Amino acid sequence: MAVKIKIIRSIDYLSVSDNDTVDFEESISNLVELAKPNQPPANYDLLLDFRRTQWILSTAEIFHLIQAILEDREIFGERIALLVLPGVNFDKDEFYELCGKDQKRRIGTFTNYEDAVHWFYNE
């Protein structure tokens, strides 16, 4: 089975203000622009890679960044995978609680690329 995956690295959309903090509004806008399909609806899944950032984002901040994508049904196909650094401020249970019980969206959280890609092919 063929799987189309659009990979977006956090360093490609995170915007930092003059005081070295993440500008969330601009970052969200940048992420949505990168994730949007050229012609909706999207026929690909998304893999968002948060691993190589110098900022350590909390679980709530990561959810805040991707919330606009989760709410727009035309931005990605069926699934979204998040790659996060192991052992930092990311709490998987808290994240899924923030996401709610939306059964049509399948969200996976991973600490390595291979597991994330494997999940796309086997779910």
PDB file of N, CA and C in Angstrom:
ATOM      1  N   MET A   1       0.836  -1.177   0.000  1.00  0.00           N
ATOM      2  CA  MET A   1       0.000   0.000   0.000  1.00  0.00           C
ATOM      3  C   MET A   1       0.886   1.247   0.000  1.00  0.00           C
ATOM      4  N   ALA A   2       0.602   2.160  -0.891  1.00  0.00           N
ATOM      5  CA  ALA A   2       1.357   3.412  -0.957  1.00  0.00           C
ATOM      6  C   ALA A   2       0.852   4.380   0.106  1.00  0.00           C
ATOM      7  N   VAL A   3       1.777   5.070   0.711  1.00  0.00           N
ATOM      8  CA  VAL A   3       1.448   6.059   1.729  1.00  0.00           C
ATOM      9  C   VAL A   3       2.147   7.358   1.356  1.00  0.00           C
ATOM     10  N   LYS A   4       1.405   8.458   1.375  1.00  0.00           N
ATOM     11  CA  LYS A   4       1.996   9.770   1.131  1.00  0.00           C
ATOM     12  C   LYS A   4       2.130  10.478   2.478  1.00  0.00           C
ATOM     13  N   ILE A   5       3.343  10.931   2.749  1.00  0.00           N
ATOM     14  CA  ILE A   5       3.620  11.599   4.019  1.00  0.00           C
ATOM     15  C   ILE A   5       4.303  12.932   3.726  1.00  0.00           C
ATOM     16  N   LYS A   6       3.776  13.988   4.289  1.00  0.00           N
ATOM     17  CA  LYS A   6       4.418  15.295   4.198  1.00  0.00           C
ATOM     18  C   LYS A   6       5.142  15.522   5.525  1.00  0.00           C
ATOM     19  N   ILE A   7       6.454  15.720   5.453  1.00  0.00           N
ATOM     20  CA  ILE A   7       7.271  15.913   6.649  1.00  0.00           C
ATOM     21  C   ILE A   7       7.556  17.400   6.822  1.00  0.00           C
ATOM     22  N   ILE A   8       7.263  17.896   8.020  1.00  0.00           N
ATOM     23  CA  ILE A   8       7.513  19.302   8.327  1.00  0.00           C
ATOM     24  C   ILE A   8       8.336  19.369   9.609  1.00  0.00           C
ATOM     25  N   ARG A   9       9.490  19.996   9.494  1.00  0.00           N
ATOM     26  CA  ARG A   9      10.367  20.143  10.660  1.00  0.00           C
ATOM     27  C   ARG A   9      10.030  21.439  11.393  1.00  0.00           C
ATOM     28  N   SER A  10      10.084  21.398  12.699  1.00  0.00           N
ATOM     29  CA  SER A  10       9.735  22.586  13.481  1.00  0.00           C
ATOM     30  C   SER A  10      10.655  23.768  13.178  1.00  0.00           C
ATOM     31  N   ILE A  11      11.893  23.496  12.815  1.00  0.00           N
ATOM     32  CA  ILE A  11      12.795  24.609  12.504  1.00  0.00           C
ATOM     33  C   ILE A  11      12.376  25.349  11.234  1.00  0.00           C
ATOM     34  N   ASP A  12      11.477  24.754  10.446  1.00  0.00           N
ATOM     35  CA  ASP A  12      10.997  25.396   9.230  1.00  0.00           C
ATOM     36  C   ASP A  12       9.840  26.359   9.475  1.00  0.00           C
ATOM     37  N   TYR A  13       9.208  26.301  10.639  1.00  0.00           N
ATOM     38  CA  TYR A  13       8.075  27.193  10.877  1.00  0.00           C
ATOM     39  C   TYR A  13       8.109  27.927  12.212  1.00  0.00           C
ATOM     40  N   LEU A  14       8.900  27.465  13.175  1.00  0.00           N
ATOM     41  CA  LEU A  14       8.946  28.167  14.455  1.00  0.00           C
ATOM     42  C   LEU A  14       9.580  29.537  14.277  1.00  0.00           C
ATOM     43  N   SER A  15       8.921  30.529  14.815  1.00  0.00           N
ATOM     44  CA  SER A  15       9.408  31.898  14.749  1.00  0.00           C
ATOM     45  C   SER A  15       9.781  32.340  16.163  1.00  0.00           C
ATOM     46  N   VAL A  16      10.915  32.999  16.284  1.00  0.00           N
ATOM     47  CA  VAL A  16      11.402  33.427  17.592  1.00  0.00           C
ATOM     48  C   VAL A  16      11.380  34.948  17.663  1.00  0.00           C
ATOM     49  N   SER A  17      10.878  35.463  18.779  1.00  0.00           N
ATOM     50  CA  SER A  17      10.820  36.911  18.964  1.00  0.00           C
ATOM     51  C   SER A  17      12.191  37.447  19.373  1.00  0.00           C
ATOM     52  N   ASP A  18      12.282  38.749  19.500  1.00  0.00           N
ATOM     53  CA  ASP A  18      13.550  39.390  19.863  1.00  0.00           C
ATOM     54  C   ASP A  18      14.064  38.967  21.235  1.00  0.00           C
ATOM     55  N   ASN A  19      13.165  38.562  22.126  1.00  0.00           N
ATOM     56  CA  ASN A  19      13.600  38.148  23.466  1.00  0.00           C
ATOM     57  C   ASN A  19      13.807  36.632  23.559  1.00  0.00           C
ATOM     58  N   ASP A  20      14.027  36.000  22.410  1.00  0.00           N
ATOM     59  CA  ASP A  20      14.347  34.564  22.326  1.00  0.00           C
ATOM     60  C   ASP A  20      13.243  33.645  22.844  1.00  0.00           C
ATOM     61  N   THR A  21      12.002  34.046  22.694  1.00  0.00           N
ATOM     62  CA  THR A  21      10.879  33.165  23.010  1.00  0.00           C
ATOM     63  C   THR A  21      10.131  32.871  21.720  1.00  0.00           C
ATOM     64  N   VAL A  22       9.416  31.775  21.706  1.00  0.00           N
ATOM     65  CA  VAL A  22       8.670  31.383  20.510  1.00  0.00           C
ATOM     66  C   VAL A  22       7.489  32.324  20.317  1.00  0.00           C
ATOM     67  N   ASP A  23       7.352  32.857  19.117  1.00  0.00           N
ATOM     68  CA  ASP A  23       6.195  33.661  18.741  1.00  0.00           C
ATOM     69  C   ASP A  23       5.144  32.680  18.226  1.00  0.00           C
ATOM     70  N   PHE A  24       4.203  32.323  19.095  1.00  0.00           N
ATOM     71  CA  PHE A  24       3.255  31.265  18.764  1.00  0.00           C
ATOM     72  C   PHE A  24       2.315  31.639  17.631  1.00  0.00           C
ATOM     73  N   GLU A  25       1.833  32.866  17.598  1.00  0.00           N
ATOM     74  CA  GLU A  25       0.885  33.237  16.547  1.00  0.00           C
ATOM     75  C   GLU A  25       1.533  33.154  15.164  1.00  0.00           C
ATOM     76  N   GLU A  26       2.732  33.680  15.040  1.00  0.00           N
ATOM     77  CA  GLU A  26       3.428  33.608  13.753  1.00  0.00           C
ATOM     78  C   GLU A  26       3.810  32.166  13.419  1.00  0.00           C
ATOM     79  N   SER A  27       4.227  31.409  14.419  1.00  0.00           N
ATOM     80  CA  SER A  27       4.599  30.005  14.200  1.00  0.00           C
ATOM     81  C   SER A  27       3.403  29.189  13.732  1.00  0.00           C
ATOM     82  N   ILE A  28       2.243  29.417  14.327  1.00  0.00           N
ATOM     83  CA  ILE A  28       1.027  28.702  13.918  1.00  0.00           C
ATOM     84  C   ILE A  28       0.689  29.043  12.473  1.00  0.00           C
ATOM     85  N   SER A  29       0.749  30.311  12.139  1.00  0.00           N
ATOM     86  CA  SER A  29       0.465  30.740  10.767  1.00  0.00           C
ATOM     87  C   SER A  29       1.435  30.094   9.780  1.00  0.00           C
ATOM     88  N   ASN A  30       2.719  30.068  10.127  1.00  0.00           N
ATOM     89  CA  ASN A  30       3.725  29.442   9.263  1.00  0.00           C
ATOM     90  C   ASN A  30       3.459  27.950   9.093  1.00  0.00           C
ATOM     91  N   LEU A  31       3.125  27.271  10.187  1.00  0.00           N
ATOM     92  CA  LEU A  31       2.863  25.831  10.135  1.00  0.00           C
ATOM     93  C   LEU A  31       1.652  25.523   9.261  1.00  0.00           C
ATOM     94  N   VAL A  32       0.591  26.274   9.431  1.00  0.00           N
ATOM     95  CA  VAL A  32      -0.613  26.044   8.626  1.00  0.00           C
ATOM     96  C   VAL A  32      -0.303  26.237   7.147  1.00  0.00           C
ATOM     97  N   GLU A  33       0.465  27.263   6.811  1.00  0.00           N
ATOM     98  CA  GLU A  33       0.831  27.494   5.411  1.00  0.00           C
ATOM     99  C   GLU A  33       1.644  26.334   4.840  1.00  0.00           C
ATOM    100  N   LEU A  34       2.578  25.816   5.622  1.00  0.00           N
ATOM    101  CA  LEU A  34       3.383  24.684   5.153  1.00  0.00           C
ATOM    102  C   LEU A  34       2.561  23.405   5.023  1.00  0.00           C
ATOM    103  N   ALA A  35       1.606  23.225   5.905  1.00  0.00           N
ATOM    104  CA  ALA A  35       0.829  21.985   5.926  1.00  0.00           C
ATOM    105  C   ALA A  35      -0.290  21.963   4.894  1.00  0.00           C
ATOM    106  N   LYS A  36      -0.771  23.129   4.495  1.00  0.00           N
ATOM    107  CA  LYS A  36      -1.902  23.207   3.568  1.00  0.00           C
ATOM    108  C   LYS A  36      -1.592  22.521   2.245  1.00  0.00           C
ATOM    109  N   PRO A  37      -2.558  21.787   1.730  1.00  0.00           N
ATOM    110  CA  PRO A  37      -2.379  21.198   0.395  1.00  0.00           C
ATOM    111  C   PRO A  37      -2.544  22.271  -0.679  1.00  0.00           C
ATOM    112  N   ASN A  38      -1.922  22.050  -1.833  1.00  0.00           N
ATOM    113  CA  ASN A  38      -2.093  22.982  -2.948  1.00  0.00           C
ATOM    114  C   ASN A  38      -3.535  23.000  -3.422  1.00  0.00           C
ATOM    115  N   GLN A  39      -4.160  21.824  -3.406  1.00  0.00           N
ATOM    116  CA  GLN A  39      -5.569  21.707  -3.770  1.00  0.00           C
ATOM    117  C   GLN A  39      -6.257  20.846  -2.721  1.00  0.00           C
ATOM    118  N   PRO A  40      -7.069  21.455  -1.858  1.00  0.00           N
ATOM    119  CA  PRO A  40      -7.756  20.668  -0.821  1.00  0.00           C
ATOM    120  C   PRO A  40      -8.741  19.693  -1.446  1.00  0.00           C
ATOM    121  N   PRO A  41      -9.082  18.618  -0.795  1.00  0.00           N
ATOM    122  CA  PRO A  41      -8.533  18.183   0.492  1.00  0.00           C
ATOM    123  C   PRO A  41      -7.188  17.484   0.306  1.00  0.00           C
ATOM    124  N   ALA A  42      -6.440  17.397   1.372  1.00  0.00           N
ATOM    125  CA  ALA A  42      -5.111  16.779   1.330  1.00  0.00           C
ATOM    126  C   ALA A  42      -5.226  15.281   1.105  1.00  0.00           C
ATOM    127  N   ASN A  43      -4.276  14.735   0.362  1.00  0.00           N
ATOM    128  CA  ASN A  43      -4.238  13.288   0.142  1.00  0.00           C
ATOM    129  C   ASN A  43      -2.981  12.698   0.773  1.00  0.00           C
ATOM    130  N   TYR A  44      -2.494  13.340   1.814  1.00  0.00           N
ATOM    131  CA  TYR A  44      -1.294  12.867   2.493  1.00  0.00           C
ATOM    132  C   TYR A  44      -1.464  12.990   4.005  1.00  0.00           C
ATOM    133  N   ASP A  45      -0.674  12.221   4.713  1.00  0.00           N
ATOM    134  CA  ASP A  45      -0.608  12.322   6.161  1.00  0.00           C
ATOM    135  C   ASP A  45       0.544  13.254   6.513  1.00  0.00           C
ATOM    136  N   LEU A  46       0.551  13.737   7.748  1.00  0.00           N
ATOM    137  CA  LEU A  46       1.590  14.667   8.192  1.00  0.00           C
ATOM    138  C   LEU A  46       2.486  14.044   9.244  1.00  0.00           C
ATOM    139  N   LEU A  47       3.758  14.320   9.123  1.00  0.00           N
ATOM    140  CA  LEU A  47       4.725  13.974  10.161  1.00  0.00           C
ATOM    141  C   LEU A  47       5.378  15.289  10.594  1.00  0.00           C
ATOM    142  N   LEU A  48       5.125  15.689  11.834  1.00  0.00           N
ATOM    143  CA  LEU A  48       5.686  16.929  12.364  1.00  0.00           C
ATOM    144  C   LEU A  48       6.848  16.590  13.284  1.00  0.00           C
ATOM    145  N   ASP A  49       8.017  17.049  12.912  1.00  0.00           N
ATOM    146  CA  ASP A  49       9.243  16.709  13.637  1.00  0.00           C
ATOM    147  C   ASP A  49       9.638  17.850  14.568  1.00  0.00           C
ATOM    148  N   PHE A  50       9.478  17.614  15.872  1.00  0.00           N
ATOM    149  CA  PHE A  50       9.834  18.602  16.893  1.00  0.00           C
ATOM    150  C   PHE A  50      11.203  18.319  17.517  1.00  0.00           C
ATOM    151  N   ARG A  51      11.957  17.360  17.002  1.00  0.00           N
ATOM    152  CA  ARG A  51      13.175  16.910  17.679  1.00  0.00           C
ATOM    153  C   ARG A  51      14.326  17.899  17.644  1.00  0.00           C
ATOM    154  N   ARG A  52      14.520  18.604  16.573  1.00  0.00           N
ATOM    155  CA  ARG A  52      15.732  19.417  16.434  1.00  0.00           C
ATOM    156  C   ARG A  52      15.477  20.904  16.660  1.00  0.00           C
ATOM    157  N   THR A  53      14.852  21.210  17.758  1.00  0.00           N
ATOM    158  CA  THR A  53      14.656  22.615  18.105  1.00  0.00           C
ATOM    159  C   THR A  53      15.508  22.928  19.314  1.00  0.00           C
ATOM    160  N   GLN A  54      15.954  24.152  19.408  1.00  0.00           N
ATOM    161  CA  GLN A  54      16.720  24.516  20.590  1.00  0.00           C
ATOM    162  C   GLN A  54      15.785  24.914  21.723  1.00  0.00           C
ATOM    163  N   TRP A  55      14.500  25.049  21.432  1.00  0.00           N
ATOM    164  CA  TRP A  55      13.530  25.400  22.460  1.00  0.00           C
ATOM    165  C   TRP A  55      12.881  24.120  22.938  1.00  0.00           C
ATOM    166  N   ILE A  56      12.711  24.017  24.210  1.00  0.00           N
ATOM    167  CA  ILE A  56      11.992  22.863  24.746  1.00  0.00           C
ATOM    168  C   ILE A  56      10.555  23.308  24.967  1.00  0.00           C
ATOM    169  N   LEU A  57       9.656  22.760  24.179  1.00  0.00           N
ATOM    170  CA  LEU A  57       8.248  23.123  24.251  1.00  0.00           C
ATOM    171  C   LEU A  57       7.516  22.178  25.188  1.00  0.00           C
ATOM    172  N   SER A  58       6.569  22.710  25.918  1.00  0.00           N
ATOM    173  CA  SER A  58       5.753  21.870  26.789  1.00  0.00           C
ATOM    174  C   SER A  58       4.719  21.131  25.945  1.00  0.00           C
ATOM    175  N   THR A  59       4.069  20.164  26.551  1.00  0.00           N
ATOM    176  CA  THR A  59       3.010  19.417  25.871  1.00  0.00           C
ATOM    177  C   THR A  59       1.905  20.359  25.421  1.00  0.00           C
ATOM    178  N   ALA A  60       1.486  21.252  26.303  1.00  0.00           N
ATOM    179  CA  ALA A  60       0.417  22.199  25.969  1.00  0.00           C
ATOM    180  C   ALA A  60       0.844  23.131  24.832  1.00  0.00           C
ATOM    181  N   GLU A  61       2.108  23.531  24.795  1.00  0.00           N
ATOM    182  CA  GLU A  61       2.586  24.404  23.723  1.00  0.00           C
ATOM    183  C   GLU A  61       2.611  23.675  22.380  1.00  0.00           C
ATOM    184  N   ILE A  62       3.001  22.418  22.386  1.00  0.00           N
ATOM    185  CA  ILE A  62       2.971  21.629  21.145  1.00  0.00           C
ATOM    186  C   ILE A  62       1.531  21.481  20.666  1.00  0.00           C
ATOM    187  N   PHE A  63       0.614  21.177  21.580  1.00  0.00           N
ATOM    188  CA  PHE A  63      -0.798  21.076  21.201  1.00  0.00           C
ATOM    189  C   PHE A  63      -1.293  22.403  20.637  1.00  0.00           C
ATOM    190  N   HIS A  64      -0.941  23.503  21.288  1.00  0.00           N
ATOM    191  CA  HIS A  64      -1.351  24.832  20.829  1.00  0.00           C
ATOM    192  C   HIS A  64      -0.863  25.086  19.395  1.00  0.00           C
ATOM    193  N   LEU A  65       0.358  24.669  19.098  1.00  0.00           N
ATOM    194  CA  LEU A  65       0.911  24.863  17.757  1.00  0.00           C
ATOM    195  C   LEU A  65       0.144  24.088  16.692  1.00  0.00           C
ATOM    196  N   ILE A  66      -0.277  22.874  17.002  1.00  0.00           N
ATOM    197  CA  ILE A  66      -0.899  22.046  15.960  1.00  0.00           C
ATOM    198  C   ILE A  66      -2.424  22.067  15.989  1.00  0.00           C
ATOM    199  N   GLN A  67      -3.011  22.768  16.940  1.00  0.00           N
ATOM    200  CA  GLN A  67      -4.470  22.778  17.082  1.00  0.00           C
ATOM    201  C   GLN A  67      -5.181  23.244  15.813  1.00  0.00           C
ATOM    202  N   ALA A  68      -4.656  24.263  15.143  1.00  0.00           N
ATOM    203  CA  ALA A  68      -5.292  24.759  13.915  1.00  0.00           C
ATOM    204  C   ALA A  68      -5.315  23.687  12.837  1.00  0.00           C
ATOM    205  N   ILE A  69      -4.277  22.877  12.778  1.00  0.00           N
ATOM    206  CA  ILE A  69      -4.237  21.785  11.806  1.00  0.00           C
ATOM    207  C   ILE A  69      -5.261  20.718  12.163  1.00  0.00           C
ATOM    208  N   LEU A  70      -5.350  20.383  13.433  1.00  0.00           N
ATOM    209  CA  LEU A  70      -6.293  19.346  13.863  1.00  0.00           C
ATOM    210  C   LEU A  70      -7.737  19.746  13.594  1.00  0.00           C
ATOM    211  N   GLU A  71      -8.014  21.038  13.631  1.00  0.00           N
ATOM    212  CA  GLU A  71      -9.385  21.520  13.448  1.00  0.00           C
ATOM    213  C   GLU A  71      -9.776  21.680  11.981  1.00  0.00           C
ATOM    214  N   ASP A  72      -8.823  21.709  11.078  1.00  0.00           N
ATOM    215  CA  ASP A  72      -9.112  21.903   9.657  1.00  0.00           C
ATOM    216  C   ASP A  72      -9.020  20.562   8.933  1.00  0.00           C
ATOM    217  N   ARG A  73     -10.138  20.030   8.547  1.00  0.00           N
ATOM    218  CA  ARG A  73     -10.204  18.690   7.963  1.00  0.00           C
ATOM    219  C   ARG A  73      -9.615  18.600   6.554  1.00  0.00           C
ATOM    220  N   GLU A  74      -9.251  19.716   5.971  1.00  0.00           N
ATOM    221  CA  GLU A  74      -8.684  19.672   4.622  1.00  0.00           C
ATOM    222  C   GLU A  74      -7.164  19.786   4.609  1.00  0.00           C
ATOM    223  N   ILE A  75      -6.534  19.942   5.771  1.00  0.00           N
ATOM    224  CA  ILE A  75      -5.080  20.137   5.798  1.00  0.00           C
ATOM    225  C   ILE A  75      -4.315  18.830   5.675  1.00  0.00           C
ATOM    226  N   PHE A  76      -4.812  17.745   6.234  1.00  0.00           N
ATOM    227  CA  PHE A  76      -4.100  16.473   6.083  1.00  0.00           C
ATOM    228  C   PHE A  76      -5.092  15.348   5.927  1.00  0.00           C
ATOM    229  N   GLY A  77      -4.594  14.197   5.451  1.00  0.00           N
ATOM    230  CA  GLY A  77      -5.453  13.060   5.165  1.00  0.00           C
ATOM    231  C   GLY A  77      -6.089  12.456   6.400  1.00  0.00           C
ATOM    232  N   GLU A  78      -5.590  11.335   6.836  1.00  0.00           N
ATOM    233  CA  GLU A  78      -6.184  10.613   7.958  1.00  0.00           C
ATOM    234  C   GLU A  78      -5.377  10.684   9.241  1.00  0.00           C
ATOM    235  N   ARG A  79      -4.060  10.796   9.112  1.00  0.00           N
ATOM    236  CA  ARG A  79      -3.217  10.654  10.302  1.00  0.00           C
ATOM    237  C   ARG A  79      -2.163  11.744  10.402  1.00  0.00           C
ATOM    238  N   ILE A  80      -1.757  11.973  11.630  1.00  0.00           N
ATOM    239  CA  ILE A  80      -0.674  12.904  11.903  1.00  0.00           C
ATOM    240  C   ILE A  80       0.223  12.274  12.961  1.00  0.00           C
ATOM    241  N   ALA A  81       1.519  12.323  12.718  1.00  0.00           N
ATOM    242  CA  ALA A  81       2.491  11.794  13.677  1.00  0.00           C
ATOM    243  C   ALA A  81       3.360  12.938  14.170  1.00  0.00           C
ATOM    244  N   LEU A  82       3.650  12.919  15.455  1.00  0.00           N
ATOM    245  CA  LEU A  82       4.540  13.901  16.058  1.00  0.00           C
ATOM    246  C   LEU A  82       5.816  13.208  16.498  1.00  0.00           C
ATOM    247  N   LEU A  83       6.943  13.768  16.131  1.00  0.00           N
ATOM    248  CA  LEU A  83       8.236  13.290  16.621  1.00  0.00           C
ATOM    249  C   LEU A  83       8.710  14.263  17.687  1.00  0.00           C
ATOM    250  N   VAL A  84       8.942  13.750  18.881  1.00  0.00           N
ATOM    251  CA  VAL A  84       9.380  14.592  19.994  1.00  0.00           C
ATOM    252  C   VAL A  84      10.658  14.023  20.593  1.00  0.00           C
ATOM    253  N   LEU A  85      11.369  14.845  21.320  1.00  0.00           N
ATOM    254  CA  LEU A  85      12.577  14.381  21.994  1.00  0.00           C
ATOM    255  C   LEU A  85      12.200  13.488  23.166  1.00  0.00           C
ATOM    256  N   PRO A  86      12.875  12.373  23.332  1.00  0.00           N
ATOM    257  CA  PRO A  86      12.569  11.514  24.479  1.00  0.00           C
ATOM    258  C   PRO A  86      13.007  12.167  25.784  1.00  0.00           C
ATOM    259  N   GLY A  87      12.174  11.997  26.809  1.00  0.00           N
ATOM    260  CA  GLY A  87      12.540  12.431  28.144  1.00  0.00           C
ATOM    261  C   GLY A  87      12.490  13.918  28.407  1.00  0.00           C
ATOM    262  N   VAL A  88      11.819  14.690  27.557  1.00  0.00           N
ATOM    263  CA  VAL A  88      11.697  16.120  27.838  1.00  0.00           C
ATOM    264  C   VAL A  88      10.284  16.433  28.292  1.00  0.00           C
ATOM    265  N   ASN A  89       9.835  17.646  28.066  1.00  0.00           N
ATOM    266  CA  ASN A  89       8.568  18.111  28.620  1.00  0.00           C
ATOM    267  C   ASN A  89       7.321  17.566  27.940  1.00  0.00           C
ATOM    268  N   PHE A  90       7.415  16.548  27.139  1.00  0.00           N
ATOM    269  CA  PHE A  90       6.240  16.038  26.433  1.00  0.00           C
ATOM    270  C   PHE A  90       5.614  14.888  27.207  1.00  0.00           C
ATOM    271  N   ASP A  91       4.328  15.036  27.523  1.00  0.00           N
ATOM    272  CA  ASP A  91       3.571  14.019  28.249  1.00  0.00           C
ATOM    273  C   ASP A  91       2.494  13.485  27.308  1.00  0.00           C
ATOM    274  N   LYS A  92       2.659  12.251  26.870  1.00  0.00           N
ATOM    275  CA  LYS A  92       1.759  11.642  25.889  1.00  0.00           C
ATOM    276  C   LYS A  92       0.307  11.618  26.378  1.00  0.00           C
ATOM    277  N   ASP A  93       0.087  11.238  27.630  1.00  0.00           N
ATOM    278  CA  ASP A  93      -1.274  11.176  28.171  1.00  0.00           C
ATOM    279  C   ASP A  93      -1.923  12.557  28.199  1.00  0.00           C
ATOM    280  N   GLU A  94      -1.170  13.557  28.629  1.00  0.00           N
ATOM    281  CA  GLU A  94      -1.697  14.922  28.652  1.00  0.00           C
ATOM    282  C   GLU A  94      -2.038  15.379  27.233  1.00  0.00           C
ATOM    283  N   PHE A  95      -1.179  15.047  26.281  1.00  0.00           N
ATOM    284  CA  PHE A  95      -1.414  15.446  24.901  1.00  0.00           C
ATOM    285  C   PHE A  95      -2.716  14.847  24.369  1.00  0.00           C
ATOM    286  N   TYR A  96      -2.917  13.545  24.589  1.00  0.00           N
ATOM    287  CA  TYR A  96      -4.137  12.905  24.101  1.00  0.00           C
ATOM    288  C   TYR A  96      -5.373  13.438  24.809  1.00  0.00           C
ATOM    289  N   GLU A  97      -5.232  13.825  26.060  1.00  0.00           N
ATOM    290  CA  GLU A  97      -6.351  14.436  26.777  1.00  0.00           C
ATOM    291  C   GLU A  97      -6.705  15.786  26.151  1.00  0.00           C
ATOM    292  N   LEU A  98      -5.697  16.558  25.789  1.00  0.00           N
ATOM    293  CA  LEU A  98      -5.933  17.844  25.132  1.00  0.00           C
ATOM    294  C   LEU A  98      -6.588  17.657  23.763  1.00  0.00           C
ATOM    295  N   CYS A  99      -6.221  16.600  23.060  1.00  0.00           N
ATOM    296  CA  CYS A  99      -6.773  16.338  21.727  1.00  0.00           C
ATOM    297  C   CYS A  99      -8.245  15.968  21.780  1.00  0.00           C
ATOM    298  N   GLY A 100      -8.679  15.352  22.849  1.00  0.00           N
ATOM    299  CA  GLY A 100     -10.065  14.927  22.951  1.00  0.00           C
ATOM    300  C   GLY A 100     -10.294  13.598  22.265  1.00  0.00           C
ATOM    301  N   LYS A 101     -11.527  13.266  22.089  1.00  0.00           N
ATOM    302  CA  LYS A 101     -11.914  11.941  21.593  1.00  0.00           C
ATOM    303  C   LYS A 101     -12.330  11.966  20.125  1.00  0.00           C
ATOM    304  N   ASP A 102     -11.710  12.801  19.333  1.00  0.00           N
ATOM    305  CA  ASP A 102     -12.050  12.876  17.913  1.00  0.00           C
ATOM    306  C   ASP A 102     -11.618  11.581  17.224  1.00  0.00           C
ATOM    307  N   GLN A 103     -12.581  10.730  16.920  1.00  0.00           N
ATOM    308  CA  GLN A 103     -12.280   9.405  16.370  1.00  0.00           C
ATOM    309  C   GLN A 103     -11.831   9.440  14.911  1.00  0.00           C
ATOM    310  N   LYS A 104     -12.138  10.495  14.189  1.00  0.00           N
ATOM    311  CA  LYS A 104     -11.775  10.529  12.772  1.00  0.00           C
ATOM    312  C   LYS A 104     -10.314  10.905  12.565  1.00  0.00           C
ATOM    313  N   ARG A 105      -9.721  11.499  13.542  1.00  0.00           N
ATOM    314  CA  ARG A 105      -8.308  11.881  13.447  1.00  0.00           C
ATOM    315  C   ARG A 105      -7.470  10.874  14.209  1.00  0.00           C
ATOM    316  N   ARG A 106      -6.465  10.388  13.578  1.00  0.00           N
ATOM    317  CA  ARG A 106      -5.557   9.441  14.232  1.00  0.00           C
ATOM    318  C   ARG A 106      -4.230  10.145  14.433  1.00  0.00           C
ATOM    319  N   ILE A 107      -3.847  10.257  15.688  1.00  0.00           N
ATOM    320  CA  ILE A 107      -2.636  10.978  16.041  1.00  0.00           C
ATOM    321  C   ILE A 107      -1.690  10.032  16.758  1.00  0.00           C
ATOM    322  N   GLY A 108      -0.444   9.982  16.295  1.00  0.00           N
ATOM    323  CA  GLY A 108       0.578   9.168  16.944  1.00  0.00           C
ATOM    324  C   GLY A 108       1.708  10.048  17.444  1.00  0.00           C
ATOM    325  N   THR A 109       2.294   9.667  18.573  1.00  0.00           N
ATOM    326  CA  THR A 109       3.447  10.395  19.098  1.00  0.00           C
ATOM    327  C   THR A 109       4.620   9.432  19.206  1.00  0.00           C
ATOM    328  N   PHE A 110       5.782   9.882  18.764  1.00  0.00           N
ATOM    329  CA  PHE A 110       6.944   9.004  18.665  1.00  0.00           C
ATOM    330  C   PHE A 110       8.213   9.746  19.054  1.00  0.00           C
ATOM    331  N   THR A 111       9.228   8.975  19.423  1.00  0.00           N
ATOM    332  CA  THR A 111      10.533   9.559  19.731  1.00  0.00           C
ATOM    333  C   THR A 111      11.577   9.189  18.684  1.00  0.00           C
ATOM    334  N   ASN A 112      11.196   8.396  17.682  1.00  0.00           N
ATOM    335  CA  ASN A 112      12.135   8.149  16.583  1.00  0.00           C
ATOM    336  C   ASN A 112      11.387   8.045  15.255  1.00  0.00           C
ATOM    337  N   TYR A 113      12.091   8.439  14.234  1.00  0.00           N
ATOM    338  CA  TYR A 113      11.539   8.540  12.886  1.00  0.00           C
ATOM    339  C   TYR A 113      11.041   7.194  12.367  1.00  0.00           C
ATOM    340  N   GLU A 114      11.808   6.148  12.585  1.00  0.00           N
ATOM    341  CA  GLU A 114      11.464   4.833  12.051  1.00  0.00           C
ATOM    342  C   GLU A 114      10.125   4.340  12.595  1.00  0.00           C
ATOM    343  N   ASP A 115       9.888   4.513  13.888  1.00  0.00           N
ATOM    344  CA  ASP A 115       8.614   4.095  14.475  1.00  0.00           C
ATOM    345  C   ASP A 115       7.448   4.883  13.893  1.00  0.00           C
ATOM    346  N   ALA A 116       7.653   6.168  13.662  1.00  0.00           N
ATOM    347  CA  ALA A 116       6.589   6.998  13.094  1.00  0.00           C
ATOM    348  C   ALA A 116       6.229   6.536  11.686  1.00  0.00           C
ATOM    349  N   VAL A 117       7.227   6.317  10.854  1.00  0.00           N
ATOM    350  CA  VAL A 117       6.971   5.871   9.481  1.00  0.00           C
ATOM    351  C   VAL A 117       6.339   4.481   9.489  1.00  0.00           C
ATOM    352  N   HIS A 118       6.827   3.614  10.328  1.00  0.00           N
ATOM    353  CA  HIS A 118       6.254   2.268  10.453  1.00  0.00           C
ATOM    354  C   HIS A 118       4.776   2.358  10.832  1.00  0.00           C
ATOM    355  N   TRP A 119       4.423   3.252  11.720  1.00  0.00           N
ATOM    356  CA  TRP A 119       3.031   3.447  12.151  1.00  0.00           C
ATOM    357  C   TRP A 119       2.147   3.839  10.961  1.00  0.00           C
ATOM    358  N   PHE A 120       2.635   4.719  10.095  1.00  0.00           N
ATOM    359  CA  PHE A 120       1.855   5.112   8.920  1.00  0.00           C
ATOM    360  C   PHE A 120       1.557   3.911   8.024  1.00  0.00           C
ATOM    361  N   TYR A 121       2.508   3.034   7.873  1.00  0.00           N
ATOM    362  CA  TYR A 121       2.336   1.889   6.982  1.00  0.00           C
ATOM    363  C   TYR A 121       1.534   0.754   7.600  1.00  0.00           C
ATOM    364  N   ASN A 122       1.432   0.718   8.912  1.00  0.00           N
ATOM    365  CA  ASN A 122       0.787  -0.419   9.557  1.00  0.00           C
ATOM    366  C   ASN A 122      -0.510  -0.103  10.268  1.00  0.00           C
ATOM    367  N   GLU A 123      -0.951   1.110  10.225  1.00  0.00           N
ATOM    368  CA  GLU A 123      -2.220   1.443  10.885  1.00  0.00           C
ATOM    369  C   GLU A 123      -3.348   1.412   9.884  1.00  0.00           C
TER     370      GLU A 123
END
